Amino acid sequence: MNKTELIEHIATQADISKAAAARALDALIGGVKTTLKKNGSVSIVGFGTFTVTKRPARSGRNPRTGATIKIKSAKIPKFRPGKALKDHLN
């Protein structure tokens, strides 16, 4: 399912226009991004939790030349599914 299909699904399920569903989805995504940018976490009960973790700096290898390179540390988003979502899938 891509974003367009998700918007259509939201519009159908909530009985709203596609434009309103698109605004709602964009607001949700924007809220999650903003919170994660501030190193916060977003918990949606029954669905899961979005968090930010820090990946430490490490050394790697350039596959083309074989030379050792240094990879900078980075913040990465993580999603941990909730119990209700896991139960629904199993």
PDB file of N, CA and C in Angstrom:
ATOM      1  N   MET A   1       0.848  -1.176   0.000  1.00  0.00           N
ATOM      2  CA  MET A   1       0.000   0.000   0.000  1.00  0.00           C
ATOM      3  C   MET A   1       0.890   1.234   0.000  1.00  0.00           C
ATOM      4  N   ASN A   2       0.627   2.128  -0.934  1.00  0.00           N
ATOM      5  CA  ASN A   2       1.390   3.372  -0.978  1.00  0.00           C
ATOM      6  C   ASN A   2       0.560   4.500  -0.360  1.00  0.00           C
ATOM      7  N   LYS A   3       1.083   5.715  -0.380  1.00  0.00           N
ATOM      8  CA  LYS A   3       0.428   6.833   0.291  1.00  0.00           C
ATOM      9  C   LYS A   3      -0.945   7.132  -0.324  1.00  0.00           C
ATOM     10  N   THR A   4      -1.050   7.081  -1.638  1.00  0.00           N
ATOM     11  CA  THR A   4      -2.327   7.355  -2.305  1.00  0.00           C
ATOM     12  C   THR A   4      -3.381   6.335  -1.906  1.00  0.00           C
ATOM     13  N   GLU A   5      -2.993   5.074  -1.876  1.00  0.00           N
ATOM     14  CA  GLU A   5      -3.930   4.021  -1.476  1.00  0.00           C
ATOM     15  C   GLU A   5      -4.333   4.179  -0.015  1.00  0.00           C
ATOM     16  N   LEU A   6      -3.395   4.592   0.836  1.00  0.00           N
ATOM     17  CA  LEU A   6      -3.696   4.806   2.242  1.00  0.00           C
ATOM     18  C   LEU A   6      -4.676   5.962   2.411  1.00  0.00           C
ATOM     19  N   ILE A   7      -4.495   7.031   1.652  1.00  0.00           N
ATOM     20  CA  ILE A   7      -5.419   8.170   1.698  1.00  0.00           C
ATOM     21  C   ILE A   7      -6.820   7.733   1.272  1.00  0.00           C
ATOM     22  N   GLU A   8      -6.902   6.938   0.209  1.00  0.00           N
ATOM     23  CA  GLU A   8      -8.202   6.439  -0.241  1.00  0.00           C
ATOM     24  C   GLU A   8      -8.858   5.574   0.837  1.00  0.00           C
ATOM     25  N   HIS A   9      -8.066   4.754   1.493  1.00  0.00           N
ATOM     26  CA  HIS A   9      -8.587   3.893   2.560  1.00  0.00           C
ATOM     27  C   HIS A   9      -9.107   4.730   3.734  1.00  0.00           C
ATOM     28  N   ILE A  10      -8.333   5.732   4.144  1.00  0.00           N
ATOM     29  CA  ILE A  10      -8.750   6.609   5.245  1.00  0.00           C
ATOM     30  C   ILE A  10     -10.038   7.334   4.878  1.00  0.00           C
ATOM     31  N   ALA A  11     -10.108   7.864   3.654  1.00  0.00           N
ATOM     32  CA  ALA A  11     -11.295   8.594   3.209  1.00  0.00           C
ATOM     33  C   ALA A  11     -12.529   7.696   3.227  1.00  0.00           C
ATOM     34  N   THR A  12     -12.372   6.459   2.782  1.00  0.00           N
ATOM     35  CA  THR A  12     -13.499   5.527   2.760  1.00  0.00           C
ATOM     36  C   THR A  12     -13.931   5.138   4.167  1.00  0.00           C
ATOM     37  N   GLN A  13     -12.968   4.776   5.008  1.00  0.00           N
ATOM     38  CA  GLN A  13     -13.285   4.319   6.359  1.00  0.00           C
ATOM     39  C   GLN A  13     -13.862   5.430   7.238  1.00  0.00           C
ATOM     40  N   ALA A  14     -13.351   6.651   7.099  1.00  0.00           N
ATOM     41  CA  ALA A  14     -13.789   7.763   7.940  1.00  0.00           C
ATOM     42  C   ALA A  14     -14.931   8.560   7.302  1.00  0.00           C
ATOM     43  N   ASP A  15     -15.321   8.189   6.074  1.00  0.00           N
ATOM     44  CA  ASP A  15     -16.384   8.874   5.345  1.00  0.00           C
ATOM     45  C   ASP A  15     -16.095  10.367   5.220  1.00  0.00           C
ATOM     46  N   ILE A  16     -14.865  10.671   4.784  1.00  0.00           N
ATOM     47  CA  ILE A  16     -14.449  12.051   4.546  1.00  0.00           C
ATOM     48  C   ILE A  16     -13.882  12.144   3.144  1.00  0.00           C
ATOM     49  N   SER A  17     -13.631  13.362   2.686  1.00  0.00           N
ATOM     50  CA  SER A  17     -13.076  13.536   1.342  1.00  0.00           C
ATOM     51  C   SER A  17     -11.612  13.098   1.311  1.00  0.00           C
ATOM     52  N   LYS A  18     -11.140  12.829   0.103  1.00  0.00           N
ATOM     53  CA  LYS A  18      -9.733  12.444  -0.052  1.00  0.00           C
ATOM     54  C   LYS A  18      -8.815  13.587   0.357  1.00  0.00           C
ATOM     55  N   ALA A  19      -9.227  14.828   0.095  1.00  0.00           N
ATOM     56  CA  ALA A  19      -8.413  15.992   0.468  1.00  0.00           C
ATOM     57  C   ALA A  19      -8.275  16.075   1.987  1.00  0.00           C
ATOM     58  N   ALA A  20      -9.368  15.854   2.695  1.00  0.00           N
ATOM     59  CA  ALA A  20      -9.320  15.893   4.164  1.00  0.00           C
ATOM     60  C   ALA A  20      -8.479  14.735   4.693  1.00  0.00           C
ATOM     61  N   ALA A  21      -8.599  13.574   4.081  1.00  0.00           N
ATOM     62  CA  ALA A  21      -7.793  12.417   4.497  1.00  0.00           C
ATOM     63  C   ALA A  21      -6.313  12.680   4.252  1.00  0.00           C
ATOM     64  N   ALA A  22      -5.990  13.316   3.130  1.00  0.00           N
ATOM     65  CA  ALA A  22      -4.594  13.641   2.818  1.00  0.00           C
ATOM     66  C   ALA A  22      -4.039  14.628   3.842  1.00  0.00           C
ATOM     67  N   ARG A  23      -4.836  15.642   4.209  1.00  0.00           N
ATOM     68  CA  ARG A  23      -4.392  16.612   5.222  1.00  0.00           C
ATOM     69  C   ARG A  23      -4.191  15.934   6.571  1.00  0.00           C
ATOM     70  N   ALA A  24      -5.084  15.017   6.921  1.00  0.00           N
ATOM     71  CA  ALA A  24      -4.963  14.305   8.192  1.00  0.00           C
ATOM     72  C   ALA A  24      -3.708  13.439   8.213  1.00  0.00           C
ATOM     73  N   LEU A  25      -3.456  12.728   7.131  1.00  0.00           N
ATOM     74  CA  LEU A  25      -2.262  11.880   7.062  1.00  0.00           C
ATOM     75  C   LEU A  25      -0.999  12.723   7.104  1.00  0.00           C
ATOM     76  N   ASP A  26      -0.983  13.829   6.364  1.00  0.00           N
ATOM     77  CA  ASP A  26       0.184  14.719   6.375  1.00  0.00           C
ATOM     78  C   ASP A  26       0.414  15.316   7.766  1.00  0.00           C
ATOM     79  N   ALA A  27      -0.673  15.641   8.476  1.00  0.00           N
ATOM     80  CA  ALA A  27      -0.543  16.175   9.835  1.00  0.00           C
ATOM     81  C   ALA A  27       0.033  15.115  10.769  1.00  0.00           C
ATOM     82  N   LEU A  28      -0.407  13.880  10.627  1.00  0.00           N
ATOM     83  CA  LEU A  28       0.116  12.788  11.450  1.00  0.00           C
ATOM     84  C   LEU A  28       1.611  12.589  11.192  1.00  0.00           C
ATOM     85  N   ILE A  29       1.981  12.510   9.937  1.00  0.00           N
ATOM     86  CA  ILE A  29       3.391  12.306   9.582  1.00  0.00           C
ATOM     87  C   ILE A  29       4.237  13.486  10.053  1.00  0.00           C
ATOM     88  N   GLY A  30       3.724  14.706   9.875  1.00  0.00           N
ATOM     89  CA  GLY A  30       4.440  15.898  10.333  1.00  0.00           C
ATOM     90  C   GLY A  30       4.638  15.910  11.838  1.00  0.00           C
ATOM     91  N   GLY A  31       3.613  15.503  12.571  1.00  0.00           N
ATOM     92  CA  GLY A  31       3.713  15.450  14.027  1.00  0.00           C
ATOM     93  C   GLY A  31       4.740  14.439  14.495  1.00  0.00           C
ATOM     94  N   VAL A  32       4.763  13.283  13.848  1.00  0.00           N
ATOM     95  CA  VAL A  32       5.748  12.252  14.194  1.00  0.00           C
ATOM     96  C   VAL A  32       7.161  12.756  13.893  1.00  0.00           C
ATOM     97  N   LYS A  33       7.352  13.353  12.722  1.00  0.00           N
ATOM     98  CA  LYS A  33       8.681  13.875  12.340  1.00  0.00           C
ATOM     99  C   LYS A  33       9.165  14.938  13.326  1.00  0.00           C
ATOM    100  N   THR A  34       8.276  15.871  13.669  1.00  0.00           N
ATOM    101  CA  THR A  34       8.638  16.953  14.593  1.00  0.00           C
ATOM    102  C   THR A  34       9.042  16.415  15.954  1.00  0.00           C
ATOM    103  N   THR A  35       8.263  15.466  16.459  1.00  0.00           N
ATOM    104  CA  THR A  35       8.557  14.893  17.772  1.00  0.00           C
ATOM    105  C   THR A  35       9.866  14.123  17.749  1.00  0.00           C
ATOM    106  N   LEU A  36      10.094  13.334  16.699  1.00  0.00           N
ATOM    107  CA  LEU A  36      11.344  12.570  16.603  1.00  0.00           C
ATOM    108  C   LEU A  36      12.544  13.492  16.445  1.00  0.00           C
ATOM    109  N   LYS A  37      12.372  14.602  15.750  1.00  0.00           N
ATOM    110  CA  LYS A  37      13.463  15.576  15.574  1.00  0.00           C
ATOM    111  C   LYS A  37      13.908  16.127  16.924  1.00  0.00           C
ATOM    112  N   LYS A  38      12.955  16.240  17.869  1.00  0.00           N
ATOM    113  CA  LYS A  38      13.262  16.738  19.210  1.00  0.00           C
ATOM    114  C   LYS A  38      13.674  15.603  20.146  1.00  0.00           C
ATOM    115  N   ASN A  39      14.014  14.450  19.590  1.00  0.00           N
ATOM    116  CA  ASN A  39      14.423  13.254  20.340  1.00  0.00           C
ATOM    117  C   ASN A  39      13.318  12.721  21.247  1.00  0.00           C
ATOM    118  N   GLY A  40      12.078  12.979  20.886  1.00  0.00           N
ATOM    119  CA  GLY A  40      10.951  12.449  21.640  1.00  0.00           C
ATOM    120  C   GLY A  40      10.528  11.107  21.068  1.00  0.00           C
ATOM    121  N   SER A  41       9.449  10.564  21.617  1.00  0.00           N
ATOM    122  CA  SER A  41       8.898   9.330  21.078  1.00  0.00           C
ATOM    123  C   SER A  41       7.400   9.509  20.904  1.00  0.00           C
ATOM    124  N   VAL A  42       6.831   8.772  19.959  1.00  0.00           N
ATOM    125  CA  VAL A  42       5.405   8.832  19.679  1.00  0.00           C
ATOM    126  C   VAL A  42       4.834   7.446  19.905  1.00  0.00           C
ATOM    127  N   SER A  43       3.901   7.341  20.853  1.00  0.00           N
ATOM    128  CA  SER A  43       3.256   6.058  21.151  1.00  0.00           C
ATOM    129  C   SER A  43       1.808   6.114  20.707  1.00  0.00           C
ATOM    130  N   ILE A  44       1.419   5.168  19.874  1.00  0.00           N
ATOM    131  CA  ILE A  44       0.037   5.035  19.455  1.00  0.00           C
ATOM    132  C   ILE A  44      -0.446   3.713  20.037  1.00  0.00           C
ATOM    133  N   VAL A  45      -1.310   3.805  21.042  1.00  0.00           N
ATOM    134  CA  VAL A  45      -1.774   2.617  21.756  1.00  0.00           C
ATOM    135  C   VAL A  45      -2.449   1.668  20.771  1.00  0.00           C
ATOM    136  N   GLY A  46      -2.050   0.402  20.832  1.00  0.00           N
ATOM    137  CA  GLY A  46      -2.603  -0.609  19.945  1.00  0.00           C
ATOM    138  C   GLY A  46      -1.863  -0.726  18.630  1.00  0.00           C
ATOM    139  N   PHE A  47      -0.986   0.228  18.337  1.00  0.00           N
ATOM    140  CA  PHE A  47      -0.231   0.190  17.078  1.00  0.00           C
ATOM    141  C   PHE A  47       1.254   0.023  17.322  1.00  0.00           C
ATOM    142  N   GLY A  48       1.875   0.976  18.031  1.00  0.00           N
ATOM    143  CA  GLY A  48       3.297   0.862  18.308  1.00  0.00           C
ATOM    144  C   GLY A  48       3.911   2.183  18.721  1.00  0.00           C
ATOM    145  N   THR A  49       5.238   2.180  18.812  1.00  0.00           N
ATOM    146  CA  THR A  49       5.980   3.342  19.282  1.00  0.00           C
ATOM    147  C   THR A  49       7.103   3.676  18.307  1.00  0.00           C
ATOM    148  N   PHE A  50       7.170   4.961  17.946  1.00  0.00           N
ATOM    149  CA  PHE A  50       8.261   5.474  17.125  1.00  0.00           C
ATOM    150  C   PHE A  50       9.266   6.128  18.067  1.00  0.00           C
ATOM    151  N   THR A  51      10.539   5.795  17.939  1.00  0.00           N
ATOM    152  CA  THR A  51      11.586   6.390  18.768  1.00  0.00           C
ATOM    153  C   THR A  51      12.795   6.726  17.900  1.00  0.00           C
ATOM    154  N   VAL A  52      13.737   7.460  18.502  1.00  0.00           N
ATOM    155  CA  VAL A  52      14.996   7.784  17.831  1.00  0.00           C
ATOM    156  C   VAL A  52      16.118   7.122  18.614  1.00  0.00           C
ATOM    157  N   THR A  53      17.002   6.441  17.915  1.00  0.00           N
ATOM    158  CA  THR A  53      18.178   5.877  18.556  1.00  0.00           C
ATOM    159  C   THR A  53      19.413   6.427  17.856  1.00  0.00           C
ATOM    160  N   LYS A  54      20.528   6.367  18.557  1.00  0.00           N
ATOM    161  CA  LYS A  54      21.771   6.874  17.995  1.00  0.00           C
ATOM    162  C   LYS A  54      22.646   5.702  17.583  1.00  0.00           C
ATOM    163  N   ARG A  55      23.044   5.711  16.325  1.00  0.00           N
ATOM    164  CA  ARG A  55      23.960   4.694  15.826  1.00  0.00           C
ATOM    165  C   ARG A  55      25.367   5.256  15.972  1.00  0.00           C
ATOM    166  N   PRO A  56      26.251   4.561  16.683  1.00  0.00           N
ATOM    167  CA  PRO A  56      27.596   5.106  16.922  1.00  0.00           C
ATOM    168  C   PRO A  56      28.449   5.144  15.650  1.00  0.00           C
ATOM    169  N   ALA A  57      29.479   5.968  15.702  1.00  0.00           N
ATOM    170  CA  ALA A  57      30.431   6.033  14.585  1.00  0.00           C
ATOM    171  C   ALA A  57      31.173   4.703  14.509  1.00  0.00           C
ATOM    172  N   ARG A  58      31.530   4.330  13.299  1.00  0.00           N
ATOM    173  CA  ARG A  58      32.235   3.063  13.119  1.00  0.00           C
ATOM    174  C   ARG A  58      33.090   3.151  11.868  1.00  0.00           C
ATOM    175  N   SER A  59      33.980   2.188  11.727  1.00  0.00           N
ATOM    176  CA  SER A  59      34.788   2.163  10.511  1.00  0.00           C
ATOM    177  C   SER A  59      34.206   1.113   9.573  1.00  0.00           C
ATOM    178  N   GLY A  60      34.299   1.386   8.303  1.00  0.00           N
ATOM    179  CA  GLY A  60      33.788   0.477   7.286  1.00  0.00           C
ATOM    180  C   GLY A  60      34.783   0.363   6.151  1.00  0.00           C
ATOM    181  N   ARG A  61      34.372  -0.276   5.085  1.00  0.00           N
ATOM    182  CA  ARG A  61      35.238  -0.476   3.947  1.00  0.00           C
ATOM    183  C   ARG A  61      34.548  -0.042   2.675  1.00  0.00           C
ATOM    184  N   ASN A  62      35.266   0.691   1.847  1.00  0.00           N
ATOM    185  CA  ASN A  62      34.748   1.065   0.540  1.00  0.00           C
ATOM    186  C   ASN A  62      34.782  -0.194  -0.328  1.00  0.00           C
ATOM    187  N   PRO A  63      33.625  -0.677  -0.769  1.00  0.00           N
ATOM    188  CA  PRO A  63      33.609  -1.923  -1.528  1.00  0.00           C
ATOM    189  C   PRO A  63      34.325  -1.830  -2.878  1.00  0.00           C
ATOM    190  N   ARG A  64      34.406  -0.640  -3.417  1.00  0.00           N
ATOM    191  CA  ARG A  64      35.048  -0.473  -4.720  1.00  0.00           C
ATOM    192  C   ARG A  64      36.573  -0.536  -4.622  1.00  0.00           C
ATOM    193  N   THR A  65      37.133   0.154  -3.598  1.00  0.00           N
ATOM    194  CA  THR A  65      38.590   0.225  -3.492  1.00  0.00           C
ATOM    195  C   THR A  65      39.161  -0.638  -2.379  1.00  0.00           C
ATOM    196  N   GLY A  66      38.314  -1.015  -1.423  1.00  0.00           N
ATOM    197  CA  GLY A  66      38.798  -1.789  -0.288  1.00  0.00           C
ATOM    198  C   GLY A  66      39.422  -0.930   0.803  1.00  0.00           C
ATOM    199  N   ALA A  67      39.438   0.389   0.605  1.00  0.00           N
ATOM    200  CA  ALA A  67      40.022   1.290   1.593  1.00  0.00           C
ATOM    201  C   ALA A  67      39.115   1.419   2.815  1.00  0.00           C
ATOM    202  N   THR A  68      39.729   1.583   3.981  1.00  0.00           N
ATOM    203  CA  THR A  68      38.974   1.774   5.207  1.00  0.00           C
ATOM    204  C   THR A  68      38.444   3.207   5.251  1.00  0.00           C
ATOM    205  N   ILE A  69      37.175   3.357   5.608  1.00  0.00           N
ATOM    206  CA  ILE A  69      36.576   4.682   5.718  1.00  0.00           C
ATOM    207  C   ILE A  69      35.916   4.803   7.091  1.00  0.00           C
ATOM    208  N   LYS A  70      35.726   6.038   7.524  1.00  0.00           N
ATOM    209  CA  LYS A  70      35.075   6.283   8.804  1.00  0.00           C
ATOM    210  C   LYS A  70      33.624   6.684   8.534  1.00  0.00           C
ATOM    211  N   ILE A  71      32.693   5.987   9.183  1.00  0.00           N
ATOM    212  CA  ILE A  71      31.275   6.271   9.037  1.00  0.00           C
ATOM    213  C   ILE A  71      30.831   7.051  10.273  1.00  0.00           C
ATOM    214  N   LYS A  72      30.226   8.229  10.048  1.00  0.00           N
ATOM    215  CA  LYS A  72      29.823   9.096  11.150  1.00  0.00           C
ATOM    216  C   LYS A  72      28.664   8.489  11.930  1.00  0.00           C
ATOM    217  N   SER A  73      28.533   8.935  13.175  1.00  0.00           N
ATOM    218  CA  SER A  73      27.384   8.515  13.972  1.00  0.00           C
ATOM    219  C   SER A  73      26.135   9.167  13.382  1.00  0.00           C
ATOM    220  N   ALA A  74      24.985   8.559  13.630  1.00  0.00           N
ATOM    221  CA  ALA A  74      23.743   9.078  13.068  1.00  0.00           C
ATOM    222  C   ALA A  74      22.571   8.748  13.978  1.00  0.00           C
ATOM    223  N   LYS A  75      21.555   9.603  13.913  1.00  0.00           N
ATOM    224  CA  LYS A  75      20.302   9.319  14.596  1.00  0.00           C
ATOM    225  C   LYS A  75      19.417   8.573  13.601  1.00  0.00           C
ATOM    226  N   ILE A  76      18.804   7.487  14.054  1.00  0.00           N
ATOM    227  CA  ILE A  76      17.943   6.728  13.165  1.00  0.00           C
ATOM    228  C   ILE A  76      16.584   6.484  13.828  1.00  0.00           C
ATOM    229  N   PRO A  77      15.517   6.547  13.037  1.00  0.00           N
ATOM    230  CA  PRO A  77      14.197   6.272  13.598  1.00  0.00           C
ATOM    231  C   PRO A  77      13.980   4.767  13.729  1.00  0.00           C
ATOM    232  N   LYS A  78      13.257   4.381  14.765  1.00  0.00           N
ATOM    233  CA  LYS A  78      12.924   2.977  14.973  1.00  0.00           C
ATOM    234  C   LYS A  78      11.440   2.874  15.273  1.00  0.00           C
ATOM    235  N   PHE A  79      10.858   1.770  14.892  1.00  0.00           N
ATOM    236  CA  PHE A  79       9.454   1.501  15.200  1.00  0.00           C
ATOM    237  C   PHE A  79       9.370   0.191  15.942  1.00  0.00           C
ATOM    238  N   ARG A  80       8.685   0.207  17.078  1.00  0.00           N
ATOM    239  CA  ARG A  80       8.474  -1.020  17.843  1.00  0.00           C
ATOM    240  C   ARG A  80       6.973  -1.289  17.860  1.00  0.00           C
ATOM    241  N   PRO A  81       6.537  -2.369  17.235  1.00  0.00           N
ATOM    242  CA  PRO A  81       5.097  -2.643  17.175  1.00  0.00           C
ATOM    243  C   PRO A  81       4.525  -2.950  18.547  1.00  0.00           C
ATOM    244  N   GLY A  82       3.273  -2.557  18.743  1.00  0.00           N
ATOM    245  CA  GLY A  82       2.581  -2.815  19.997  1.00  0.00           C
ATOM    246  C   GLY A  82       2.009  -4.219  20.044  1.00  0.00           C
ATOM    247  N   LYS A  83       1.568  -4.618  21.223  1.00  0.00           N
ATOM    248  CA  LYS A  83       1.041  -5.970  21.415  1.00  0.00           C
ATOM    249  C   LYS A  83      -0.182  -6.227  20.554  1.00  0.00           C
ATOM    250  N   ALA A  84      -1.083  -5.252  20.458  1.00  0.00           N
ATOM    251  CA  ALA A  84      -2.306  -5.441  19.667  1.00  0.00           C
ATOM    252  C   ALA A  84      -1.975  -5.663  18.187  1.00  0.00           C
ATOM    253  N   LEU A  85      -0.994  -4.953  17.659  1.00  0.00           N
ATOM    254  CA  LEU A  85      -0.599  -5.136  16.259  1.00  0.00           C
ATOM    255  C   LEU A  85       0.028  -6.519  16.053  1.00  0.00           C
ATOM    256  N   LYS A  86       0.876  -6.922  16.969  1.00  0.00           N
ATOM    257  CA  LYS A  86       1.491  -8.250  16.870  1.00  0.00           C
ATOM    258  C   LYS A  86       0.427  -9.343  16.941  1.00  0.00           C
ATOM    259  N   ASP A  87      -0.519  -9.191  17.869  1.00  0.00           N
ATOM    260  CA  ASP A  87      -1.579 -10.178  18.010  1.00  0.00           C
ATOM    261  C   ASP A  87      -2.446 -10.246  16.758  1.00  0.00           C
ATOM    262  N   HIS A  88      -2.708  -9.092  16.147  1.00  0.00           N
ATOM    263  CA  HIS A  88      -3.522  -9.042  14.925  1.00  0.00           C
ATOM    264  C   HIS A  88      -2.841  -9.783  13.763  1.00  0.00           C
ATOM    265  N   LEU A  89      -1.529  -9.683  13.692  1.00  0.00           N
ATOM    266  CA  LEU A  89      -0.791 -10.322  12.598  1.00  0.00           C
ATOM    267  C   LEU A  89      -0.618 -11.829  12.819  1.00  0.00           C
ATOM    268  N   ASN A  90      -0.628 -12.261  14.059  1.00  0.00           N
ATOM    269  CA  ASN A  90      -0.442 -13.681  14.366  1.00  0.00           C
ATOM    270  C   ASN A  90      -1.743 -14.254  14.763  1.00  0.00           C
TER     271      ASN A  90
END
